[in-house]
N, C-alpha and C. Protein backbone atom coordinates (compact mmCIF):
# COMPACT_ATOMS: atom_id res chain seq x y z
N MET A 1 29.43 -66.82 -4.83
CA MET A 1 29.92 -65.77 -3.94
C MET A 1 29.88 -64.41 -4.64
N SER A 2 30.36 -64.37 -5.87
CA SER A 2 30.37 -63.13 -6.63
C SER A 2 28.96 -62.66 -6.89
N VAL A 3 28.05 -63.62 -7.05
CA VAL A 3 26.65 -63.25 -7.29
C VAL A 3 26.07 -62.56 -6.07
N GLU A 4 26.42 -63.08 -4.87
CA GLU A 4 25.93 -62.47 -3.64
C GLU A 4 26.49 -61.07 -3.46
N ILE A 5 27.76 -60.85 -3.82
CA ILE A 5 28.39 -59.53 -3.69
C ILE A 5 27.72 -58.53 -4.62
N GLU A 6 27.50 -58.98 -5.86
CA GLU A 6 26.84 -58.09 -6.82
C GLU A 6 25.43 -57.74 -6.37
N ALA A 7 24.74 -58.71 -5.79
CA ALA A 7 23.38 -58.46 -5.30
C ALA A 7 23.39 -57.45 -4.17
N ASP A 8 24.40 -57.60 -3.27
CA ASP A 8 24.52 -56.64 -2.16
C ASP A 8 24.81 -55.25 -2.67
N GLN A 9 25.73 -55.15 -3.66
CA GLN A 9 26.07 -53.85 -4.21
C GLN A 9 24.87 -53.21 -4.90
N SER A 10 24.11 -54.02 -5.63
CA SER A 10 22.92 -53.50 -6.31
C SER A 10 21.89 -53.03 -5.30
N SER A 11 21.74 -53.79 -4.22
CA SER A 11 20.79 -53.41 -3.17
C SER A 11 21.21 -52.11 -2.51
N SER A 12 22.53 -51.94 -2.30
CA SER A 12 23.03 -50.72 -1.67
C SER A 12 22.79 -49.51 -2.55
N ARG A 13 23.04 -49.70 -3.87
CA ARG A 13 22.84 -48.58 -4.80
C ARG A 13 21.37 -48.18 -4.86
N SER A 14 20.49 -49.18 -4.90
CA SER A 14 19.06 -48.88 -4.98
C SER A 14 18.57 -48.20 -3.73
N SER A 15 19.06 -48.62 -2.56
CA SER A 15 18.65 -47.99 -1.31
C SER A 15 19.19 -46.57 -1.23
N ALA A 16 20.40 -46.35 -1.75
CA ALA A 16 20.98 -45.01 -1.73
C ALA A 16 20.18 -44.08 -2.64
N GLN A 17 19.81 -44.61 -3.83
CA GLN A 17 19.02 -43.81 -4.75
C GLN A 17 17.65 -43.50 -4.16
N THR A 18 17.08 -44.50 -3.47
CA THR A 18 15.77 -44.29 -2.85
C THR A 18 15.84 -43.21 -1.79
N GLY A 19 16.93 -43.19 -1.01
CA GLY A 19 17.08 -42.16 0.01
C GLY A 19 17.38 -40.80 -0.57
N ALA A 20 17.95 -40.77 -1.78
CA ALA A 20 18.32 -39.49 -2.38
C ALA A 20 17.11 -38.78 -2.95
N HIS A 21 16.11 -39.53 -3.41
CA HIS A 21 14.93 -38.91 -4.03
C HIS A 21 14.19 -37.97 -3.08
N PRO A 22 13.89 -38.37 -1.86
CA PRO A 22 13.20 -37.43 -0.96
C PRO A 22 13.99 -36.17 -0.71
N ARG A 23 15.33 -36.31 -0.61
CA ARG A 23 16.16 -35.12 -0.38
C ARG A 23 16.10 -34.18 -1.57
N LEU A 24 16.14 -34.75 -2.79
CA LEU A 24 16.04 -33.92 -3.98
C LEU A 24 14.68 -33.24 -4.08
N GLU A 25 13.63 -33.99 -3.77
CA GLU A 25 12.29 -33.41 -3.81
C GLU A 25 12.14 -32.30 -2.79
N ALA A 26 12.68 -32.53 -1.59
CA ALA A 26 12.60 -31.50 -0.55
C ALA A 26 13.36 -30.25 -0.96
N ARG A 27 14.50 -30.45 -1.61
CA ARG A 27 15.29 -29.31 -2.07
C ARG A 27 14.54 -28.53 -3.15
N GLU A 28 13.90 -29.26 -4.07
CA GLU A 28 13.14 -28.60 -5.12
C GLU A 28 11.96 -27.82 -4.55
N VAL A 29 11.29 -28.40 -3.58
CA VAL A 29 10.17 -27.70 -2.93
C VAL A 29 10.66 -26.44 -2.24
N ALA A 30 11.81 -26.53 -1.56
CA ALA A 30 12.36 -25.37 -0.88
C ALA A 30 12.75 -24.27 -1.87
N GLU A 31 13.33 -24.68 -3.00
CA GLU A 31 13.73 -23.70 -4.01
C GLU A 31 12.51 -23.02 -4.62
N ARG A 32 11.47 -23.80 -4.90
CA ARG A 32 10.25 -23.22 -5.46
C ARG A 32 9.59 -22.27 -4.46
N SER A 33 9.57 -22.67 -3.21
CA SER A 33 9.00 -21.81 -2.18
C SER A 33 9.77 -20.51 -2.04
N SER A 34 11.10 -20.61 -2.14
CA SER A 34 11.94 -19.42 -2.05
C SER A 34 11.69 -18.50 -3.24
N MET A 35 11.56 -19.06 -4.44
CA MET A 35 11.30 -18.26 -5.62
C MET A 35 9.94 -17.58 -5.54
N LEU A 36 8.94 -18.31 -5.05
CA LEU A 36 7.60 -17.73 -4.90
C LEU A 36 7.60 -16.61 -3.88
N ALA A 37 8.29 -16.82 -2.77
CA ALA A 37 8.38 -15.78 -1.74
C ALA A 37 9.09 -14.55 -2.27
N SER A 38 10.14 -14.76 -3.07
CA SER A 38 10.87 -13.63 -3.64
C SER A 38 10.01 -12.85 -4.62
N ALA A 39 9.27 -13.57 -5.47
CA ALA A 39 8.39 -12.91 -6.44
C ALA A 39 7.28 -12.14 -5.74
N LEU A 40 6.68 -12.76 -4.73
CA LEU A 40 5.62 -12.09 -3.98
C LEU A 40 6.16 -10.87 -3.26
N GLY A 41 7.36 -10.98 -2.71
CA GLY A 41 7.96 -9.84 -2.02
C GLY A 41 8.21 -8.68 -2.97
N SER A 42 8.66 -8.99 -4.19
CA SER A 42 8.91 -7.93 -5.17
C SER A 42 7.62 -7.22 -5.56
N VAL A 43 6.55 -7.99 -5.74
CA VAL A 43 5.25 -7.40 -6.09
C VAL A 43 4.75 -6.52 -4.96
N ARG A 44 4.91 -6.96 -3.72
CA ARG A 44 4.45 -6.19 -2.57
C ARG A 44 5.23 -4.87 -2.46
N VAL A 45 6.53 -4.93 -2.69
CA VAL A 45 7.34 -3.71 -2.67
C VAL A 45 6.89 -2.75 -3.76
N LEU A 46 6.64 -3.28 -4.95
CA LEU A 46 6.21 -2.45 -6.06
C LEU A 46 4.88 -1.76 -5.76
N LEU A 47 3.94 -2.47 -5.19
CA LEU A 47 2.62 -1.90 -4.91
C LEU A 47 2.69 -0.77 -3.88
N ILE A 48 3.38 -1.00 -2.77
CA ILE A 48 3.44 0.04 -1.74
C ILE A 48 4.27 1.23 -2.21
N ALA A 49 5.30 0.96 -3.04
CA ALA A 49 6.11 2.06 -3.56
C ALA A 49 5.31 2.90 -4.55
N LEU A 50 4.51 2.26 -5.38
CA LEU A 50 3.67 2.99 -6.33
C LEU A 50 2.68 3.89 -5.61
N TRP A 51 2.03 3.34 -4.58
CA TRP A 51 1.04 4.17 -3.87
C TRP A 51 1.72 5.33 -3.14
N LEU A 52 2.81 5.04 -2.47
CA LEU A 52 3.50 6.10 -1.73
C LEU A 52 3.99 7.19 -2.68
N GLY A 53 4.54 6.79 -3.82
CA GLY A 53 4.98 7.78 -4.80
C GLY A 53 3.84 8.62 -5.32
N ALA A 54 2.69 7.98 -5.58
CA ALA A 54 1.52 8.71 -6.06
C ALA A 54 1.02 9.69 -5.00
N ALA A 55 1.00 9.26 -3.74
CA ALA A 55 0.51 10.12 -2.66
C ALA A 55 1.43 11.33 -2.46
N VAL A 56 2.73 11.09 -2.49
CA VAL A 56 3.69 12.19 -2.33
C VAL A 56 3.59 13.15 -3.51
N PHE A 57 3.50 12.60 -4.72
CA PHE A 57 3.41 13.45 -5.91
C PHE A 57 2.13 14.29 -5.88
N PHE A 58 1.04 13.68 -5.44
CA PHE A 58 -0.22 14.42 -5.35
C PHE A 58 -0.10 15.57 -4.35
N SER A 59 0.45 15.27 -3.18
CA SER A 59 0.53 16.28 -2.12
C SER A 59 1.52 17.39 -2.45
N ALA A 60 2.65 17.04 -3.04
CA ALA A 60 3.71 18.02 -3.27
C ALA A 60 3.60 18.74 -4.59
N ALA A 61 2.98 18.11 -5.60
CA ALA A 61 2.97 18.71 -6.93
C ALA A 61 1.57 18.98 -7.47
N VAL A 62 0.71 17.97 -7.46
CA VAL A 62 -0.59 18.11 -8.12
C VAL A 62 -1.47 19.16 -7.44
N ALA A 63 -1.75 18.95 -6.15
CA ALA A 63 -2.70 19.83 -5.46
C ALA A 63 -2.28 21.30 -5.47
N PRO A 64 -1.06 21.64 -5.04
CA PRO A 64 -0.70 23.06 -5.03
C PRO A 64 -0.62 23.69 -6.41
N ASN A 65 -0.15 22.92 -7.40
CA ASN A 65 0.01 23.49 -8.74
C ASN A 65 -1.32 23.66 -9.46
N VAL A 66 -2.28 22.79 -9.20
CA VAL A 66 -3.59 22.96 -9.81
C VAL A 66 -4.21 24.27 -9.35
N PHE A 67 -4.16 24.55 -8.07
CA PHE A 67 -4.70 25.81 -7.55
C PHE A 67 -3.92 27.00 -8.10
N ALA A 68 -2.59 26.88 -8.13
CA ALA A 68 -1.76 28.00 -8.57
C ALA A 68 -2.00 28.33 -10.04
N VAL A 69 -2.08 27.32 -10.89
CA VAL A 69 -2.26 27.56 -12.33
C VAL A 69 -3.63 28.17 -12.61
N LEU A 70 -4.67 27.61 -12.03
CA LEU A 70 -6.01 28.12 -12.29
C LEU A 70 -6.20 29.54 -11.73
N ARG A 71 -5.59 29.81 -10.60
CA ARG A 71 -5.69 31.17 -10.04
C ARG A 71 -4.95 32.18 -10.91
N SER A 72 -3.92 31.72 -11.60
CA SER A 72 -3.15 32.65 -12.44
C SER A 72 -3.96 33.18 -13.62
N PHE A 73 -5.04 32.46 -13.99
CA PHE A 73 -5.90 32.91 -15.08
C PHE A 73 -7.02 33.84 -14.57
N HIS A 74 -7.04 34.07 -13.26
CA HIS A 74 -7.99 34.99 -12.64
C HIS A 74 -9.44 34.63 -12.97
N LEU A 75 -9.70 33.34 -12.96
CA LEU A 75 -11.07 32.89 -13.19
C LEU A 75 -11.90 33.13 -11.93
N PRO A 76 -13.16 33.51 -12.10
CA PRO A 76 -13.98 33.78 -10.92
C PRO A 76 -14.23 32.53 -10.07
N ASN A 77 -14.23 31.37 -10.70
CA ASN A 77 -14.45 30.12 -9.96
C ASN A 77 -13.22 29.21 -10.02
N ALA A 78 -12.04 29.81 -10.00
CA ALA A 78 -10.80 29.03 -10.11
C ALA A 78 -10.66 28.03 -8.98
N ASN A 79 -10.94 28.45 -7.76
CA ASN A 79 -10.80 27.55 -6.62
C ASN A 79 -11.81 26.41 -6.67
N GLU A 80 -13.00 26.71 -7.19
CA GLU A 80 -14.02 25.66 -7.31
C GLU A 80 -13.57 24.59 -8.31
N ILE A 81 -13.04 25.03 -9.45
CA ILE A 81 -12.55 24.08 -10.45
C ILE A 81 -11.37 23.28 -9.91
N ALA A 82 -10.42 23.99 -9.28
CA ALA A 82 -9.24 23.31 -8.72
C ALA A 82 -9.65 22.32 -7.65
N GLY A 83 -10.60 22.72 -6.81
CA GLY A 83 -11.06 21.82 -5.75
C GLY A 83 -11.68 20.56 -6.30
N THR A 84 -12.43 20.70 -7.40
CA THR A 84 -13.05 19.52 -8.01
C THR A 84 -11.99 18.58 -8.58
N ILE A 85 -10.98 19.15 -9.25
CA ILE A 85 -9.89 18.33 -9.80
C ILE A 85 -9.14 17.61 -8.69
N VAL A 86 -8.82 18.35 -7.64
CA VAL A 86 -8.07 17.77 -6.53
C VAL A 86 -8.89 16.68 -5.83
N THR A 87 -10.17 16.92 -5.66
CA THR A 87 -11.03 15.94 -5.00
C THR A 87 -11.07 14.63 -5.77
N ARG A 88 -11.21 14.72 -7.09
CA ARG A 88 -11.26 13.51 -7.91
C ARG A 88 -9.91 12.78 -7.91
N THR A 89 -8.85 13.55 -7.94
CA THR A 89 -7.52 12.92 -7.92
C THR A 89 -7.25 12.27 -6.57
N LEU A 90 -7.65 12.95 -5.51
CA LEU A 90 -7.46 12.39 -4.17
C LEU A 90 -8.27 11.11 -3.99
N ALA A 91 -9.42 11.03 -4.64
CA ALA A 91 -10.24 9.81 -4.56
C ALA A 91 -9.47 8.62 -5.11
N ILE A 92 -8.71 8.83 -6.19
CA ILE A 92 -7.90 7.75 -6.76
C ILE A 92 -6.80 7.34 -5.78
N VAL A 93 -6.14 8.33 -5.18
CA VAL A 93 -5.06 8.05 -4.23
C VAL A 93 -5.60 7.30 -3.01
N ASN A 94 -6.71 7.77 -2.47
CA ASN A 94 -7.27 7.13 -1.27
C ASN A 94 -7.78 5.72 -1.55
N THR A 95 -8.53 5.57 -2.64
CA THR A 95 -9.06 4.25 -2.97
C THR A 95 -7.93 3.27 -3.27
N GLY A 96 -6.94 3.73 -4.03
CA GLY A 96 -5.80 2.87 -4.32
C GLY A 96 -5.04 2.48 -3.08
N GLY A 97 -4.83 3.44 -2.17
CA GLY A 97 -4.14 3.13 -0.93
C GLY A 97 -4.90 2.14 -0.07
N PHE A 98 -6.21 2.29 -0.01
CA PHE A 98 -7.03 1.38 0.78
C PHE A 98 -6.96 -0.05 0.23
N LEU A 99 -7.12 -0.20 -1.08
CA LEU A 99 -7.09 -1.53 -1.69
C LEU A 99 -5.71 -2.17 -1.60
N ILE A 100 -4.67 -1.39 -1.82
CA ILE A 100 -3.31 -1.93 -1.74
C ILE A 100 -2.98 -2.34 -0.31
N ALA A 101 -3.39 -1.54 0.65
CA ALA A 101 -3.14 -1.89 2.06
C ALA A 101 -3.85 -3.18 2.43
N LEU A 102 -5.08 -3.36 1.97
CA LEU A 102 -5.80 -4.61 2.25
C LEU A 102 -5.10 -5.80 1.59
N LEU A 103 -4.66 -5.63 0.35
CA LEU A 103 -3.98 -6.72 -0.35
C LEU A 103 -2.68 -7.09 0.36
N LEU A 104 -1.93 -6.09 0.79
CA LEU A 104 -0.67 -6.37 1.48
C LEU A 104 -0.91 -7.00 2.84
N LEU A 105 -2.01 -6.61 3.48
CA LEU A 105 -2.36 -7.23 4.77
C LEU A 105 -2.69 -8.71 4.58
N LEU A 106 -3.41 -9.02 3.51
CA LEU A 106 -3.79 -10.41 3.25
C LEU A 106 -2.57 -11.28 2.95
N THR A 107 -1.55 -10.70 2.35
CA THR A 107 -0.36 -11.47 1.98
C THR A 107 0.76 -11.34 3.01
N ALA A 108 0.54 -10.55 4.06
CA ALA A 108 1.61 -10.32 5.04
C ALA A 108 1.93 -11.58 5.83
N PHE A 109 0.94 -12.48 5.98
CA PHE A 109 1.16 -13.66 6.81
C PHE A 109 1.64 -14.86 6.02
N LEU A 110 1.84 -14.67 4.72
CA LEU A 110 2.45 -15.73 3.92
C LEU A 110 3.96 -15.71 4.09
N PHE A 111 4.55 -16.85 4.13
CA PHE A 111 6.01 -16.98 4.27
C PHE A 111 6.50 -16.20 5.50
N ARG A 112 5.93 -16.50 6.65
CA ARG A 112 6.29 -15.79 7.88
C ARG A 112 7.75 -15.96 8.25
N ARG A 113 8.34 -17.03 7.79
CA ARG A 113 9.73 -17.30 8.16
C ARG A 113 10.70 -16.29 7.56
N THR A 114 10.22 -15.49 6.60
CA THR A 114 11.11 -14.51 5.97
C THR A 114 11.26 -13.24 6.81
N THR A 115 10.62 -13.17 7.96
CA THR A 115 10.72 -11.98 8.80
C THR A 115 10.56 -12.37 10.27
N THR A 116 10.90 -11.46 11.16
CA THR A 116 10.74 -11.71 12.59
C THR A 116 9.33 -11.35 13.02
N ARG A 117 8.95 -11.80 14.18
CA ARG A 117 7.61 -11.52 14.69
C ARG A 117 7.42 -10.03 14.94
N ARG A 118 8.43 -9.37 15.46
CA ARG A 118 8.32 -7.93 15.74
C ARG A 118 8.18 -7.14 14.44
N ALA A 119 8.97 -7.50 13.43
CA ALA A 119 8.88 -6.81 12.14
C ALA A 119 7.53 -7.05 11.49
N LEU A 120 7.00 -8.26 11.63
CA LEU A 120 5.69 -8.57 11.06
C LEU A 120 4.60 -7.73 11.72
N ARG A 121 4.68 -7.60 13.03
CA ARG A 121 3.68 -6.79 13.74
C ARG A 121 3.76 -5.33 13.31
N ALA A 122 4.98 -4.82 13.16
CA ALA A 122 5.14 -3.43 12.73
C ALA A 122 4.62 -3.24 11.31
N GLU A 123 4.87 -4.22 10.45
CA GLU A 123 4.38 -4.14 9.07
C GLU A 123 2.86 -4.13 9.04
N VAL A 124 2.25 -5.02 9.80
CA VAL A 124 0.78 -5.09 9.84
C VAL A 124 0.20 -3.80 10.41
N ALA A 125 0.83 -3.27 11.46
CA ALA A 125 0.33 -2.03 12.06
C ALA A 125 0.40 -0.87 11.08
N SER A 126 1.50 -0.75 10.35
CA SER A 126 1.63 0.35 9.38
C SER A 126 0.62 0.21 8.24
N LEU A 127 0.37 -1.01 7.80
CA LEU A 127 -0.60 -1.23 6.74
C LEU A 127 -2.02 -0.94 7.23
N LEU A 128 -2.30 -1.26 8.48
CA LEU A 128 -3.61 -0.94 9.05
C LEU A 128 -3.82 0.56 9.11
N VAL A 129 -2.77 1.30 9.45
CA VAL A 129 -2.87 2.76 9.49
C VAL A 129 -3.16 3.31 8.10
N ILE A 130 -2.50 2.77 7.08
CA ILE A 130 -2.77 3.22 5.71
C ILE A 130 -4.22 2.96 5.33
N ALA A 131 -4.69 1.75 5.61
CA ALA A 131 -6.07 1.40 5.28
C ALA A 131 -7.06 2.29 6.03
N LEU A 132 -6.77 2.56 7.29
CA LEU A 132 -7.67 3.38 8.10
C LEU A 132 -7.70 4.82 7.62
N THR A 133 -6.53 5.41 7.39
CA THR A 133 -6.48 6.82 7.00
C THR A 133 -7.06 7.04 5.60
N THR A 134 -6.76 6.15 4.67
CA THR A 134 -7.29 6.32 3.32
C THR A 134 -8.78 6.03 3.27
N GLY A 135 -9.22 5.05 4.04
CA GLY A 135 -10.65 4.74 4.09
C GLY A 135 -11.45 5.88 4.69
N LEU A 136 -10.97 6.40 5.81
CA LEU A 136 -11.65 7.55 6.43
C LEU A 136 -11.59 8.77 5.52
N GLY A 137 -10.42 8.98 4.91
CA GLY A 137 -10.26 10.13 4.04
C GLY A 137 -11.21 10.12 2.86
N GLN A 138 -11.47 8.92 2.32
CA GLN A 138 -12.31 8.83 1.13
C GLN A 138 -13.80 8.74 1.46
N TRP A 139 -14.17 7.84 2.36
CA TRP A 139 -15.59 7.54 2.56
C TRP A 139 -16.23 8.24 3.76
N VAL A 140 -15.43 8.99 4.49
CA VAL A 140 -15.98 9.76 5.61
C VAL A 140 -15.72 11.26 5.39
N ILE A 141 -14.44 11.63 5.35
CA ILE A 141 -14.10 13.05 5.25
C ILE A 141 -14.49 13.63 3.90
N ALA A 142 -14.02 13.00 2.81
CA ALA A 142 -14.32 13.53 1.47
C ALA A 142 -15.82 13.51 1.19
N ALA A 143 -16.49 12.46 1.62
CA ALA A 143 -17.94 12.37 1.40
C ALA A 143 -18.66 13.50 2.14
N ARG A 144 -18.23 13.77 3.35
CA ARG A 144 -18.84 14.86 4.12
C ARG A 144 -18.56 16.22 3.47
N MET A 145 -17.36 16.41 2.94
CA MET A 145 -17.03 17.67 2.28
C MET A 145 -17.90 17.88 1.03
N LEU A 146 -18.15 16.81 0.28
CA LEU A 146 -19.01 16.93 -0.89
C LEU A 146 -20.44 17.30 -0.48
N MET A 147 -20.89 16.74 0.62
CA MET A 147 -22.23 17.08 1.11
C MET A 147 -22.30 18.55 1.53
N LEU A 148 -21.26 19.06 2.15
CA LEU A 148 -21.23 20.46 2.55
C LEU A 148 -21.21 21.38 1.34
N ARG A 149 -20.43 21.02 0.33
CA ARG A 149 -20.39 21.84 -0.88
C ARG A 149 -21.75 21.88 -1.57
N ALA A 150 -22.44 20.75 -1.57
CA ALA A 150 -23.77 20.72 -2.16
C ALA A 150 -24.75 21.56 -1.33
N ALA A 151 -24.60 21.52 -0.01
CA ALA A 151 -25.50 22.29 0.86
C ALA A 151 -25.27 23.79 0.73
N MET A 152 -24.06 24.20 0.39
CA MET A 152 -23.77 25.63 0.21
C MET A 152 -24.52 26.20 -0.99
N GLY A 153 -24.66 25.39 -2.03
CA GLY A 153 -25.41 25.83 -3.20
C GLY A 153 -24.68 26.84 -4.07
N ARG A 154 -23.45 27.11 -3.79
CA ARG A 154 -22.64 28.05 -4.57
C ARG A 154 -21.17 27.74 -4.32
N PRO A 155 -20.25 28.35 -5.08
CA PRO A 155 -18.82 28.09 -4.86
C PRO A 155 -18.40 28.39 -3.42
N VAL A 156 -17.46 27.62 -2.94
CA VAL A 156 -17.02 27.75 -1.55
C VAL A 156 -16.48 29.15 -1.27
N ASP A 157 -15.78 29.75 -2.23
CA ASP A 157 -15.18 31.07 -2.03
C ASP A 157 -16.23 32.16 -1.83
N GLU A 158 -17.44 31.92 -2.29
CA GLU A 158 -18.49 32.92 -2.15
C GLU A 158 -19.22 32.83 -0.82
N VAL A 159 -18.88 31.82 -0.05
CA VAL A 159 -19.49 31.64 1.27
C VAL A 159 -18.63 32.33 2.31
N ALA A 160 -19.27 33.03 3.23
CA ALA A 160 -18.54 33.78 4.26
C ALA A 160 -17.70 32.84 5.11
N GLN A 161 -16.54 33.36 5.56
CA GLN A 161 -15.63 32.56 6.36
C GLN A 161 -16.25 32.11 7.69
N ASN A 162 -17.15 32.91 8.23
CA ASN A 162 -17.76 32.57 9.51
C ASN A 162 -19.05 31.78 9.36
N ASP A 163 -19.41 31.45 8.12
CA ASP A 163 -20.59 30.62 7.89
C ASP A 163 -20.33 29.22 8.46
N PRO A 164 -21.30 28.65 9.18
CA PRO A 164 -21.08 27.32 9.78
C PRO A 164 -20.68 26.25 8.77
N LEU A 165 -21.27 26.31 7.58
CA LEU A 165 -20.91 25.34 6.55
C LEU A 165 -19.47 25.52 6.09
N ARG A 166 -19.04 26.78 5.95
CA ARG A 166 -17.66 27.06 5.53
C ARG A 166 -16.68 26.65 6.64
N VAL A 167 -17.04 26.91 7.88
CA VAL A 167 -16.17 26.53 9.01
C VAL A 167 -16.01 25.01 9.05
N ALA A 168 -17.11 24.29 8.89
CA ALA A 168 -17.06 22.83 8.91
C ALA A 168 -16.25 22.30 7.73
N PHE A 169 -16.41 22.94 6.57
CA PHE A 169 -15.68 22.53 5.38
C PHE A 169 -14.17 22.70 5.57
N ASN A 170 -13.78 23.85 6.11
CA ASN A 170 -12.36 24.10 6.34
C ASN A 170 -11.77 23.12 7.35
N SER A 171 -12.56 22.79 8.37
CA SER A 171 -12.09 21.83 9.37
C SER A 171 -11.87 20.46 8.74
N LEU A 172 -12.83 20.04 7.92
CA LEU A 172 -12.70 18.74 7.26
C LEU A 172 -11.52 18.72 6.28
N HIS A 173 -11.26 19.85 5.65
CA HIS A 173 -10.10 19.94 4.77
C HIS A 173 -8.81 19.70 5.54
N GLY A 174 -8.73 20.27 6.73
CA GLY A 174 -7.56 20.04 7.57
C GLY A 174 -7.44 18.59 7.99
N TYR A 175 -8.57 17.96 8.31
CA TYR A 175 -8.55 16.54 8.67
C TYR A 175 -8.11 15.69 7.48
N SER A 176 -8.54 16.08 6.27
CA SER A 176 -8.17 15.33 5.08
C SER A 176 -6.66 15.38 4.86
N VAL A 177 -6.08 16.57 5.01
CA VAL A 177 -4.63 16.72 4.86
C VAL A 177 -3.90 15.91 5.92
N GLY A 178 -4.40 15.97 7.15
CA GLY A 178 -3.76 15.23 8.23
C GLY A 178 -3.84 13.72 8.03
N ALA A 179 -4.99 13.24 7.55
CA ALA A 179 -5.15 11.80 7.33
C ALA A 179 -4.20 11.30 6.26
N LEU A 180 -4.10 12.04 5.16
CA LEU A 180 -3.18 11.61 4.09
C LEU A 180 -1.73 11.69 4.54
N SER A 181 -1.39 12.72 5.32
CA SER A 181 -0.02 12.85 5.82
C SER A 181 0.34 11.68 6.72
N LEU A 182 -0.58 11.31 7.61
CA LEU A 182 -0.35 10.16 8.49
C LEU A 182 -0.24 8.88 7.68
N GLY A 183 -1.08 8.76 6.66
CA GLY A 183 -1.00 7.58 5.80
C GLY A 183 0.33 7.48 5.08
N MET A 184 0.87 8.61 4.64
CA MET A 184 2.15 8.60 3.94
C MET A 184 3.29 8.23 4.89
N ILE A 185 3.22 8.71 6.12
CA ILE A 185 4.24 8.33 7.11
C ILE A 185 4.20 6.82 7.34
N ALA A 186 2.98 6.29 7.50
CA ALA A 186 2.84 4.84 7.65
C ALA A 186 3.31 4.12 6.40
N GLY A 187 3.11 4.74 5.23
CA GLY A 187 3.56 4.15 3.98
C GLY A 187 5.07 4.04 3.90
N ILE A 188 5.75 5.04 4.42
CA ILE A 188 7.22 5.00 4.44
C ILE A 188 7.69 3.85 5.31
N VAL A 189 7.08 3.72 6.49
CA VAL A 189 7.44 2.62 7.40
C VAL A 189 7.15 1.27 6.74
N ALA A 190 5.97 1.16 6.13
CA ALA A 190 5.59 -0.10 5.49
C ALA A 190 6.54 -0.44 4.33
N LEU A 191 6.92 0.56 3.56
CA LEU A 191 7.83 0.33 2.44
C LEU A 191 9.18 -0.20 2.92
N LEU A 192 9.71 0.40 3.98
CA LEU A 192 11.00 -0.06 4.51
C LEU A 192 10.90 -1.50 5.00
N LEU A 193 9.82 -1.82 5.70
CA LEU A 193 9.67 -3.17 6.25
C LEU A 193 9.43 -4.20 5.15
N VAL A 194 8.58 -3.87 4.20
CA VAL A 194 8.29 -4.80 3.11
C VAL A 194 9.53 -5.01 2.24
N ALA A 195 10.28 -3.94 1.98
CA ALA A 195 11.49 -4.06 1.17
C ALA A 195 12.56 -4.88 1.90
N ARG A 196 12.68 -4.66 3.19
CA ARG A 196 13.65 -5.43 3.97
C ARG A 196 13.29 -6.92 3.96
N ARG A 197 11.99 -7.20 4.04
CA ARG A 197 11.54 -8.58 4.05
C ARG A 197 11.75 -9.25 2.70
N ALA A 198 11.67 -8.45 1.63
CA ALA A 198 11.80 -9.01 0.28
C ALA A 198 13.24 -9.27 -0.12
N ARG A 199 14.19 -8.74 0.65
CA ARG A 199 15.60 -8.94 0.30
C ARG A 199 15.98 -10.41 0.46
N PRO A 200 16.82 -10.95 -0.43
CA PRO A 200 17.28 -12.33 -0.28
C PRO A 200 18.03 -12.51 1.04
N ASN A 201 17.77 -13.65 1.66
CA ASN A 201 18.45 -14.00 2.92
C ASN A 201 18.22 -12.96 4.01
N SER A 202 16.99 -12.32 4.00
CA SER A 202 16.69 -11.34 5.04
C SER A 202 16.18 -12.01 6.28
């Protein structure tokens, strides 16, 4: 009789342990998934914050100060030199924004449970705007401006204001400023959404 009781108790313990293993494994998988989602969220926040900070710094500090400093030396081609510096710096901002937006778009659909459908759509839309504005700014607007400068054959300041090439150049410059401004607005929205999604228990 005692042997049968011990056998029953042993069977109960083994069945309980067997049932506990899947629960432990499921918990470990959930914890690992949560850690991975948290790490990915932190990286995504860092990337969009870096680009937005670089874009704001370029627009508010780099571009205006480069022109101001070079003009203060009264160089005959100060604007030409400043324009070249700004163009090269803007290329870094635009290319970086385009690549970061694509990367964030590719990772936006991972761990969908960490956000609502409406927030996910808004995040994707803002990232698409960044990719579109930076892509157009770099490979359409900036490329066209470089072609116009080459066609002028001399510094932009030496070309008459009513010259068709100068008029087109000035128009494209306005489009470039507008594209980057729109991209930065979308970047602010994307940063808020990505940061909110990366918060624990969001």
